[in-house]
Amino acid sequence: MTYRFLLFTFLVCLLSACSTTTGTRSVKAPNFSGYYAQKPIQCVPYARDVSGIPIRGNAHTWWYQASQDRRGSQPQIGAVLVLAKTSRLRYGHLAVVKDVLGPRRILVTHSNWGSDRKSRSFIYETMLVEDVSSRNDWSHLRFWNQYTNAFGSPYEAYGFIYPL
């Protein structure tokens, strides 16, 4: 074997080792990216770990536990987006803002989002979210749905909790 062939083989093995993680499968698309975890991770501990905001309890309770000076209606990187408790979201939901793309679009990271065990085991490193509220106050928003390749139905949101 030649030196070039051995070097090529080594590089291919090295790159393939860097691109996989045991027990996960990475997925990337323009409006979302993420990976499958071994088991579902609830949105509350995930948001707490990512944001560093030390609130506990069901997702919808975070809004009222946060001090008023830490709550607002405009997205900021690192802020926790709090979705309201509804018939579709019995405990509310949390996501952390990763990037502000414009006045009505952001990227978030979150977990435990979906309708079955498989989708709830997906950790979204990035997901596109758009504000569809009539007052541009982020009170109603839609998340990107990778299965339909379109935005989903609107969800009611309380707002954003800003990091300390």
Protein backbone atom coordinates (compact mmCIF):
# COMPACT_ATOMS: atom_id res chain seq x y z
CA MET A 1 0.00 0.00 0.00
CA THR A 2 1.12 3.48 -0.71
CA TYR A 3 1.54 6.29 1.75
CA ARG A 4 -1.25 8.29 0.04
CA PHE A 5 -3.73 5.45 0.35
CA LEU A 6 -2.96 4.99 4.06
CA LEU A 7 -3.25 8.72 4.67
CA PHE A 8 -6.57 8.85 2.79
CA THR A 9 -7.96 5.89 4.75
CA PHE A 10 -6.87 7.44 8.04
CA LEU A 11 -8.54 10.76 7.19
CA VAL A 12 -11.79 9.07 6.17
CA CYS A 13 -11.87 7.13 9.44
CA LEU A 14 -11.07 10.24 11.43
CA LEU A 15 -13.82 12.27 9.76
CA SER A 16 -16.41 9.54 10.19
CA ALA A 17 -15.55 9.25 13.88
CA CYS A 18 -16.06 12.99 14.33
CA SER A 19 -19.46 13.00 12.65
CA THR A 20 -21.23 10.43 14.81
CA THR A 21 -22.11 10.18 18.46
CA THR A 22 -22.96 6.90 20.12
CA GLY A 23 -26.73 6.44 20.33
CA THR A 24 -27.64 9.51 18.31
CA ARG A 25 -28.36 10.33 14.71
CA SER A 26 -27.81 13.87 13.51
CA VAL A 27 -30.27 15.58 11.16
CA LYS A 28 -29.67 18.92 9.46
CA ALA A 29 -31.99 20.99 7.28
CA PRO A 30 -32.28 24.72 6.52
CA ASN A 31 -34.98 25.39 9.14
CA PHE A 32 -34.00 22.90 11.83
CA SER A 33 -31.15 20.74 13.03
CA GLY A 34 -30.68 18.32 15.85
CA TYR A 35 -30.15 14.76 16.92
CA TYR A 36 -31.95 11.81 18.49
CA ALA A 37 -31.26 11.20 22.17
CA GLN A 38 -31.41 7.77 23.82
CA LYS A 39 -34.66 8.77 25.56
CA PRO A 40 -36.85 11.87 25.74
CA ILE A 41 -35.53 14.82 27.74
CA GLN A 42 -38.21 17.06 29.20
CA CYS A 43 -38.15 20.69 28.04
CA VAL A 44 -37.80 22.12 31.57
CA PRO A 45 -34.45 20.57 32.57
CA TYR A 46 -33.16 21.08 29.02
CA ALA A 47 -34.05 24.79 29.04
CA ARG A 48 -32.64 25.21 32.55
CA ASP A 49 -29.33 23.57 31.52
CA VAL A 50 -29.01 25.54 28.28
CA SER A 51 -30.10 28.94 29.63
CA GLY A 52 -28.71 28.77 33.15
CA ILE A 53 -32.00 30.16 34.48
CA PRO A 54 -32.58 28.24 37.74
CA ILE A 55 -36.40 28.09 37.73
CA ARG A 56 -38.14 24.76 38.42
CA GLY A 57 -41.65 23.43 37.93
CA ASN A 58 -43.90 22.88 34.93
CA ALA A 59 -43.04 24.99 31.89
CA HIS A 60 -46.11 27.24 32.06
CA THR A 61 -45.30 28.17 35.68
CA TRP A 62 -41.94 29.66 34.75
CA TRP A 63 -43.52 32.89 33.53
CA TYR A 64 -45.02 33.76 36.92
CA GLN A 65 -41.98 32.56 38.86
CA ALA A 66 -39.65 34.92 36.99
CA SER A 67 -39.31 38.44 38.33
CA GLN A 68 -41.05 41.11 36.27
CA ASP A 69 -37.77 42.79 35.39
CA ARG A 70 -36.61 39.52 33.75
CA ARG A 71 -39.75 39.10 31.59
CA GLY A 72 -40.48 40.68 28.24
CA SER A 73 -42.04 40.37 24.82
CA GLN A 74 -38.97 40.70 22.61
CA PRO A 75 -36.59 37.82 21.89
CA GLN A 76 -32.96 37.97 23.00
CA ILE A 77 -30.26 35.35 22.59
CA GLY A 78 -30.22 33.12 25.67
CA ALA A 79 -33.76 34.01 26.74
CA VAL A 80 -36.28 31.28 27.51
CA LEU A 81 -39.46 31.38 25.42
CA VAL A 82 -42.43 30.31 27.55
CA LEU A 83 -45.45 28.78 25.83
CA ALA A 84 -48.79 28.88 27.63
CA LYS A 85 -50.63 25.91 29.06
CA THR A 86 -53.34 24.89 26.56
CA SER A 87 -55.31 21.80 25.63
CA ARG A 88 -52.47 20.89 23.23
CA LEU A 89 -49.71 21.74 25.73
CA ARG A 90 -50.93 20.51 29.12
CA TYR A 91 -47.78 21.72 30.90
CA GLY A 92 -46.77 24.53 28.55
CA HIS A 93 -43.39 24.38 26.82
CA LEU A 94 -39.97 26.03 26.99
CA ALA A 95 -37.41 26.80 24.30
CA VAL A 96 -34.19 28.83 24.43
CA VAL A 97 -33.48 31.55 21.86
CA LYS A 98 -30.31 30.78 19.89
CA ASP A 99 -30.50 33.59 17.35
CA VAL A 100 -32.71 36.52 16.38
CA LEU A 101 -33.07 36.50 12.60
CA GLY A 102 -35.37 39.50 12.30
CA PRO A 103 -38.32 41.22 13.97
CA ARG A 104 -40.58 38.17 13.49
CA ARG A 105 -38.23 35.18 13.19
CA ILE A 106 -35.92 33.47 15.65
CA LEU A 107 -34.04 30.20 16.02
CA VAL A 108 -34.57 28.22 19.21
CA THR A 109 -33.18 25.09 20.79
CA HIS A 110 -35.55 22.80 22.69
CA SER A 111 -36.47 19.23 23.50
CA ASN A 112 -39.52 17.01 24.01
CA TRP A 113 -41.42 18.55 21.11
CA GLY A 114 -43.63 16.24 19.09
CA SER A 115 -46.52 13.86 19.19
CA ASP A 116 -44.84 10.49 19.78
CA ARG A 117 -41.84 8.97 21.58
CA LYS A 118 -39.61 9.20 18.51
CA SER A 119 -40.26 12.90 17.89
CA ARG A 120 -40.05 13.66 21.63
CA SER A 121 -36.61 12.03 21.70
CA PHE A 122 -35.31 14.57 19.19
CA ILE A 123 -33.17 17.41 20.56
CA TYR A 124 -33.64 20.41 18.32
CA GLU A 125 -30.36 22.30 18.27
CA THR A 126 -32.03 24.86 16.02
CA MET A 127 -35.63 25.31 14.94
CA LEU A 128 -37.17 28.23 13.11
CA VAL A 129 -39.99 30.05 14.92
CA GLU A 130 -42.06 32.93 13.58
CA ASP A 131 -44.21 35.50 15.34
CA VAL A 132 -47.74 35.57 13.89
CA SER A 133 -49.28 37.90 16.48
CA SER A 134 -51.26 40.87 15.19
CA ARG A 135 -49.27 43.28 17.43
CA ASN A 136 -45.81 41.82 16.72
CA ASP A 137 -45.48 40.97 20.42
CA TRP A 138 -44.63 37.25 20.17
CA SER A 139 -47.89 36.25 21.90
CA HIS A 140 -48.78 33.84 19.07
CA LEU A 141 -46.12 31.95 17.16
CA ARG A 142 -45.53 28.98 14.91
CA PHE A 143 -42.71 26.42 14.94
CA TRP A 144 -41.19 24.89 11.83
CA ASN A 145 -42.45 21.35 11.19
CA GLN A 146 -39.82 19.24 9.47
CA TYR A 147 -42.34 16.54 8.55
CA THR A 148 -44.58 18.89 6.55
CA ASN A 149 -41.76 21.25 5.53
CA ALA A 150 -43.89 24.21 6.66
CA PHE A 151 -44.81 26.13 9.80
CA GLY A 152 -47.27 24.39 12.12
CA SER A 153 -50.36 25.71 13.90
CA PRO A 154 -50.06 28.78 16.13
CA TYR A 155 -49.25 28.46 19.83
CA GLU A 156 -49.96 31.00 22.54
CA ALA A 157 -46.86 32.32 24.31
CA TYR A 158 -46.41 34.33 27.51
CA GLY A 159 -43.12 35.83 26.37
CA PHE A 160 -39.42 35.60 27.13
CA ILE A 161 -37.52 35.22 30.40
CA TYR A 162 -34.15 36.90 30.10
CA PRO A 163 -31.01 35.37 31.62
CA LEU A 164 -29.49 36.84 34.78
